[in-house]
Amino acid sequence: MHKNSAYYKNFYNLYLGILTTLVALPILAPVLLRLGLELPAKMIYFVYSFFCHQFASRSIHLFDYQFAWCARDTGIWLAVAVVAWLLKFKIVKPIKWYWVIPFVIPIALDGGIQTAFTALNIEGASTLSNLPLYASNNLIRFVTGAFFGVGLSLWISGTFIEDAEPELKESQNTKAKNFIDVFKILQVKKVALIMAVLVTIYGASIQLWRLTSNEVLPTNTLDSVVKLQNLNFFERRADGVCPTSGVEDIFNWNCFFN
């Protein structure tokens, strides 16, 4: 048992390293472009293009270049990594899969309602044309993504760390008999504090964006103004490398491999 526990602890440390790298690389991509290191930046944008739409208007920027993934994905994976580290130091406890459901609702509503209104061409009374009746913004995308990421990591990262720390399994055996039990299982106060820290990081990122960029700037202090929808779904990485503009080459292979 001791040997198994040591094995799983090593596995969890490897998992933390991978998560931390996963979060750091998209943020590093615009820095590499600023330093003139285009090849490694290309590699990052290319790999992450399989997991994110990379719309410039929905991304945080540095030095006028967009992150390699959007604001929502930044929130999701930053939260997953932060919670994974907190689990390692037993600051939060794992949850069972069905307790993730409350964490899914905000991101599902935010993305789902906008997608439905956009698909049905239901426009709102806005001074900006082509905006659906409900249109999200980067602050809301980040917050709903981060909230989902917190719940996801409490479950998945929590499942991994239970093998390294068997005593943590006791926290999952708690049955909710009333609202107070639900409050405790979901660790509401700690989740609220985590979200406050994540939003603070987001706000600092927007300010860093404003300080390092001259041409592409956030809409306001938190980049919380709805931006005009880009009707060209295939326009990717407009503020990165190897931008695309049409369905004929949605990855821009020639740019990435030349």
Protein backbone atom coordinates (compact mmCIF):
# COMPACT_ATOMS: atom_id res chain seq x y z
CA MET A 1 0.00 0.00 0.00
CA HIS A 2 2.83 2.36 0.83
CA LYS A 3 4.49 1.67 -2.53
CA ASN A 4 1.22 2.27 -4.38
CA SER A 5 0.70 5.53 -2.53
CA ALA A 6 4.20 6.70 -3.48
CA TYR A 7 3.55 5.75 -7.11
CA TYR A 8 0.32 7.74 -7.24
CA LYS A 9 1.96 10.73 -5.58
CA ASN A 10 4.60 10.74 -8.31
CA PHE A 11 1.85 10.39 -10.90
CA TYR A 12 -0.03 13.34 -9.41
CA ASN A 13 3.12 15.47 -9.42
CA LEU A 14 3.56 14.63 -13.11
CA TYR A 15 -0.09 15.53 -13.68
CA LEU A 16 0.50 18.91 -11.98
CA GLY A 17 3.51 19.56 -14.18
CA ILE A 18 1.55 18.81 -17.34
CA LEU A 19 -1.36 21.02 -16.24
CA THR A 20 0.92 23.91 -15.36
CA THR A 21 2.65 23.65 -18.73
CA LEU A 22 -0.71 23.41 -20.49
CA VAL A 23 -1.77 26.71 -18.92
CA ALA A 24 1.55 28.49 -19.42
CA LEU A 25 2.17 27.77 -23.11
CA PRO A 26 -0.80 29.70 -24.62
CA ILE A 27 0.17 32.74 -22.52
CA LEU A 28 3.80 32.33 -23.52
CA ALA A 29 2.98 32.32 -27.26
CA PRO A 30 2.52 36.13 -27.66
CA VAL A 31 5.64 36.71 -25.56
CA LEU A 32 7.64 34.51 -27.93
CA LEU A 33 6.31 36.49 -30.90
CA ARG A 34 7.35 39.71 -29.20
CA LEU A 35 10.85 38.28 -28.76
CA GLY A 36 10.96 37.32 -32.42
CA LEU A 37 10.86 33.57 -31.68
CA GLU A 38 8.29 32.76 -34.33
CA LEU A 39 8.94 29.02 -34.72
CA PRO A 40 8.13 27.97 -31.12
CA ALA A 41 5.19 30.40 -31.14
CA LYS A 42 3.90 28.76 -34.34
CA MET A 43 4.14 25.35 -32.71
CA ILE A 44 2.06 26.50 -29.74
CA TYR A 45 -0.63 28.18 -31.84
CA PHE A 46 -0.80 25.13 -34.11
CA VAL A 47 -1.22 22.58 -31.30
CA TYR A 48 -3.82 24.65 -29.47
CA SER A 49 -5.76 25.29 -32.69
CA PHE A 50 -7.12 21.74 -32.35
CA PHE A 51 -8.67 22.58 -28.97
CA CYS A 52 -9.79 26.22 -29.36
CA HIS A 53 -11.36 28.36 -32.08
CA GLN A 54 -8.69 31.05 -31.49
CA PHE A 55 -10.96 33.99 -32.37
CA ALA A 56 -8.99 37.18 -31.76
CA SER A 57 -12.02 39.10 -30.45
CA ARG A 58 -12.57 36.47 -27.76
CA SER A 59 -8.97 36.27 -26.59
CA ILE A 60 -6.77 38.09 -24.13
CA HIS A 61 -3.72 39.73 -25.71
CA LEU A 62 -0.14 40.63 -24.85
CA PHE A 63 2.08 42.85 -27.00
CA ASP A 64 -0.80 43.12 -29.53
CA TYR A 65 -0.80 39.32 -29.98
CA GLN A 66 -3.59 37.04 -28.78
CA PHE A 67 -3.20 34.13 -26.40
CA ALA A 68 -3.17 30.75 -28.12
CA TRP A 69 -6.62 30.09 -26.68
CA CYS A 70 -9.72 32.15 -25.91
CA ALA A 71 -10.80 33.82 -22.66
CA ARG A 72 -13.18 30.96 -21.81
CA ASP A 73 -10.52 28.27 -22.26
CA THR A 74 -8.08 30.40 -20.28
CA GLY A 75 -10.56 30.48 -17.41
CA ILE A 76 -11.30 26.75 -17.60
CA TRP A 77 -7.74 25.49 -17.60
CA LEU A 78 -6.34 28.09 -15.22
CA ALA A 79 -9.02 27.04 -12.73
CA VAL A 80 -8.32 23.35 -13.29
CA ALA A 81 -4.62 23.89 -12.58
CA VAL A 82 -5.17 26.12 -9.53
CA VAL A 83 -7.61 23.66 -7.94
CA ALA A 84 -5.25 20.74 -8.69
CA TRP A 85 -2.51 22.50 -6.72
CA LEU A 86 -4.92 23.31 -3.88
CA LEU A 87 -5.91 19.64 -3.71
CA LYS A 88 -2.27 18.67 -3.38
CA PHE A 89 -1.95 20.85 -0.29
CA LYS A 90 -5.36 19.70 1.04
CA ILE A 91 -6.82 23.20 0.93
CA VAL A 92 -9.89 21.85 -0.87
CA LYS A 93 -11.42 18.38 -1.01
CA PRO A 94 -12.50 16.15 -3.92
CA ILE A 95 -16.14 15.87 -4.96
CA LYS A 96 -18.11 13.16 -6.76
CA TRP A 97 -18.98 13.58 -10.44
CA TYR A 98 -22.61 14.56 -9.88
CA TRP A 99 -21.61 17.56 -7.78
CA VAL A 100 -20.06 19.03 -10.94
CA ILE A 101 -23.55 19.72 -12.31
CA PRO A 102 -23.98 23.11 -10.54
CA PHE A 103 -20.63 24.20 -11.99
CA VAL A 104 -21.80 23.36 -15.52
CA ILE A 105 -25.00 25.42 -15.49
CA PRO A 106 -23.49 28.95 -15.94
CA ILE A 107 -21.19 28.00 -18.83
CA ALA A 108 -23.98 26.01 -20.49
CA LEU A 109 -26.38 28.92 -20.26
CA ASP A 110 -23.84 31.50 -21.40
CA GLY A 111 -22.66 29.56 -24.43
CA GLY A 112 -25.95 27.84 -25.19
CA ILE A 113 -28.21 30.90 -25.19
CA GLN A 114 -25.85 32.93 -27.36
CA THR A 115 -25.42 30.02 -29.78
CA ALA A 116 -29.19 29.55 -30.03
CA PHE A 117 -29.91 33.24 -30.60
CA THR A 118 -27.08 33.46 -33.15
CA ALA A 119 -28.25 30.35 -35.03
CA LEU A 120 -31.85 31.61 -35.08
CA ASN A 121 -30.69 35.11 -36.08
CA ILE A 122 -32.51 36.71 -33.15
CA GLU A 123 -30.97 40.16 -32.84
CA GLY A 124 -31.22 42.54 -29.92
CA ALA A 125 -31.89 46.26 -29.89
CA SER A 126 -28.23 47.20 -29.97
CA THR A 127 -26.28 50.01 -31.58
CA LEU A 128 -23.98 47.28 -32.89
CA SER A 129 -25.30 45.35 -35.85
CA ASN A 130 -25.14 41.57 -36.12
CA LEU A 131 -25.34 41.10 -32.34
CA PRO A 132 -27.78 38.42 -31.11
CA LEU A 133 -30.34 39.23 -28.40
CA TYR A 134 -27.87 37.76 -25.88
CA ALA A 135 -24.16 38.16 -26.55
CA SER A 136 -21.48 37.24 -24.05
CA ASN A 137 -18.26 39.15 -23.41
CA ASN A 138 -14.77 38.09 -22.41
CA LEU A 139 -15.28 38.72 -18.69
CA ILE A 140 -18.38 36.51 -18.60
CA ARG A 141 -16.66 33.87 -20.76
CA PHE A 142 -13.71 33.78 -18.37
CA VAL A 143 -15.86 33.69 -15.21
CA THR A 144 -18.21 30.94 -16.43
CA GLY A 145 -15.24 28.99 -17.79
CA ALA A 146 -13.33 29.34 -14.52
CA PHE A 147 -16.36 28.29 -12.46
CA PHE A 148 -16.74 25.19 -14.62
CA GLY A 149 -12.99 24.50 -14.35
CA VAL A 150 -13.14 24.63 -10.54
CA GLY A 151 -15.87 21.99 -10.40
CA LEU A 152 -14.24 19.86 -13.08
CA SER A 153 -10.93 19.82 -11.24
CA LEU A 154 -12.51 19.12 -7.85
CA TRP A 155 -13.83 15.95 -9.48
CA ILE A 156 -11.12 14.82 -11.94
CA SER A 157 -8.03 16.08 -10.11
CA GLY A 158 -9.70 14.96 -6.90
CA THR A 159 -10.12 11.44 -8.30
CA PHE A 160 -6.42 11.32 -9.13
CA ILE A 161 -5.24 12.56 -5.76
CA GLU A 162 -7.46 10.15 -3.81
CA ASP A 163 -5.10 7.35 -4.82
CA ALA A 164 -2.14 9.32 -3.48
CA GLU A 165 -4.00 10.46 -0.35
CA PRO A 166 -6.47 7.64 0.52
CA GLU A 167 -7.78 9.52 3.55
CA LEU A 168 -9.36 12.06 1.18
CA LYS A 169 -11.86 9.42 0.05
CA GLU A 170 -13.70 9.96 3.30
CA SER A 171 -14.74 13.41 2.09
CA GLN A 172 -16.57 11.83 -0.84
CA ASN A 173 -18.54 9.50 1.40
CA THR A 174 -20.47 12.38 2.95
CA LYS A 175 -24.15 12.21 2.08
CA ALA A 176 -26.08 15.45 1.71
CA LYS A 177 -29.13 15.40 3.97
CA ASN A 178 -29.91 19.10 3.90
CA PHE A 179 -28.79 22.42 2.44
CA ILE A 180 -25.99 22.81 4.98
CA ASP A 181 -24.47 19.49 3.88
CA VAL A 182 -24.61 20.61 0.24
CA PHE A 183 -22.94 23.87 1.26
CA LYS A 184 -20.13 21.93 2.95
CA ILE A 185 -19.66 19.37 0.15
CA LEU A 186 -19.44 22.08 -2.48
CA GLN A 187 -17.07 24.06 -0.23
CA VAL A 188 -18.93 27.22 -1.18
CA LYS A 189 -16.77 29.67 0.80
CA LYS A 190 -13.54 28.24 -0.60
CA VAL A 191 -14.92 28.15 -4.14
CA ALA A 192 -15.97 31.80 -3.79
CA LEU A 193 -12.46 32.71 -2.65
CA ILE A 194 -10.89 30.75 -5.53
CA MET A 195 -13.17 32.55 -7.99
CA ALA A 196 -12.23 35.91 -6.48
CA VAL A 197 -8.54 35.11 -6.97
CA LEU A 198 -9.11 33.92 -10.55
CA VAL A 199 -11.07 37.06 -11.45
CA THR A 200 -8.26 39.14 -9.93
CA ILE A 201 -5.78 37.30 -12.15
CA TYR A 202 -8.04 37.99 -15.13
CA GLY A 203 -8.21 41.69 -14.26
CA ALA A 204 -4.42 41.86 -13.92
CA SER A 205 -4.08 40.15 -17.32
CA ILE A 206 -6.33 42.78 -18.94
CA GLN A 207 -4.26 45.57 -17.42
CA LEU A 208 -1.08 43.90 -18.63
CA TRP A 209 -2.70 43.66 -22.06
CA ARG A 210 -3.40 47.39 -22.02
CA LEU A 211 0.14 48.24 -20.89
CA THR A 212 1.92 46.07 -23.47
CA SER A 213 -0.23 46.76 -26.53
CA ASN A 214 -0.67 49.71 -28.86
CA GLU A 215 -2.91 48.54 -31.70
CA VAL A 216 -5.25 45.95 -30.17
CA LEU A 217 -6.64 47.08 -26.81
CA PRO A 218 -9.29 45.80 -24.37
CA THR A 219 -12.70 47.47 -24.50
CA ASN A 220 -12.46 48.61 -20.87
CA THR A 221 -10.87 47.74 -17.52
CA LEU A 222 -12.16 44.14 -17.62
CA ASP A 223 -12.77 43.84 -21.39
CA SER A 224 -16.43 43.40 -20.50
CA VAL A 225 -18.02 45.20 -23.46
CA VAL A 226 -19.72 43.02 -26.06
CA LYS A 227 -17.77 43.07 -29.30
CA LEU A 228 -19.15 42.96 -32.82
CA GLN A 229 -19.64 39.39 -33.94
CA ASN A 230 -17.31 38.19 -36.65
CA LEU A 231 -19.51 36.55 -39.26
CA ASN A 232 -16.56 34.71 -40.78
CA PHE A 233 -16.35 31.59 -38.63
CA PHE A 234 -13.10 30.55 -40.32
CA GLU A 235 -11.14 33.69 -39.44
CA ARG A 236 -8.73 32.38 -36.81
CA ARG A 237 -5.62 33.86 -35.15
CA ALA A 238 -6.16 37.31 -36.69
CA ASP A 239 -3.80 38.73 -34.02
CA GLY A 240 -1.49 35.72 -33.85
CA VAL A 241 0.50 33.79 -36.44
CA CYS A 242 -0.72 31.98 -39.54
CA PRO A 243 -4.16 33.63 -39.62
CA THR A 244 -6.93 31.99 -41.63
CA SER A 245 -9.83 33.58 -43.46
CA GLY A 246 -11.57 30.87 -45.46
CA VAL A 247 -12.82 27.31 -45.45
CA GLU A 248 -10.34 26.30 -48.13
CA ASP A 249 -7.53 26.11 -45.58
CA ILE A 250 -8.82 26.42 -42.03
CA PHE A 251 -5.42 25.57 -40.51
CA ASN A 252 -3.16 27.48 -42.92
CA TRP A 253 -0.80 24.51 -43.21
CA ASN A 254 1.60 26.25 -45.59
CA CYS A 255 2.30 28.97 -43.03
CA PHE A 256 2.84 26.58 -40.14
CA PHE A 257 5.17 24.25 -42.02
CA ASN A 258 7.20 26.75 -44.04
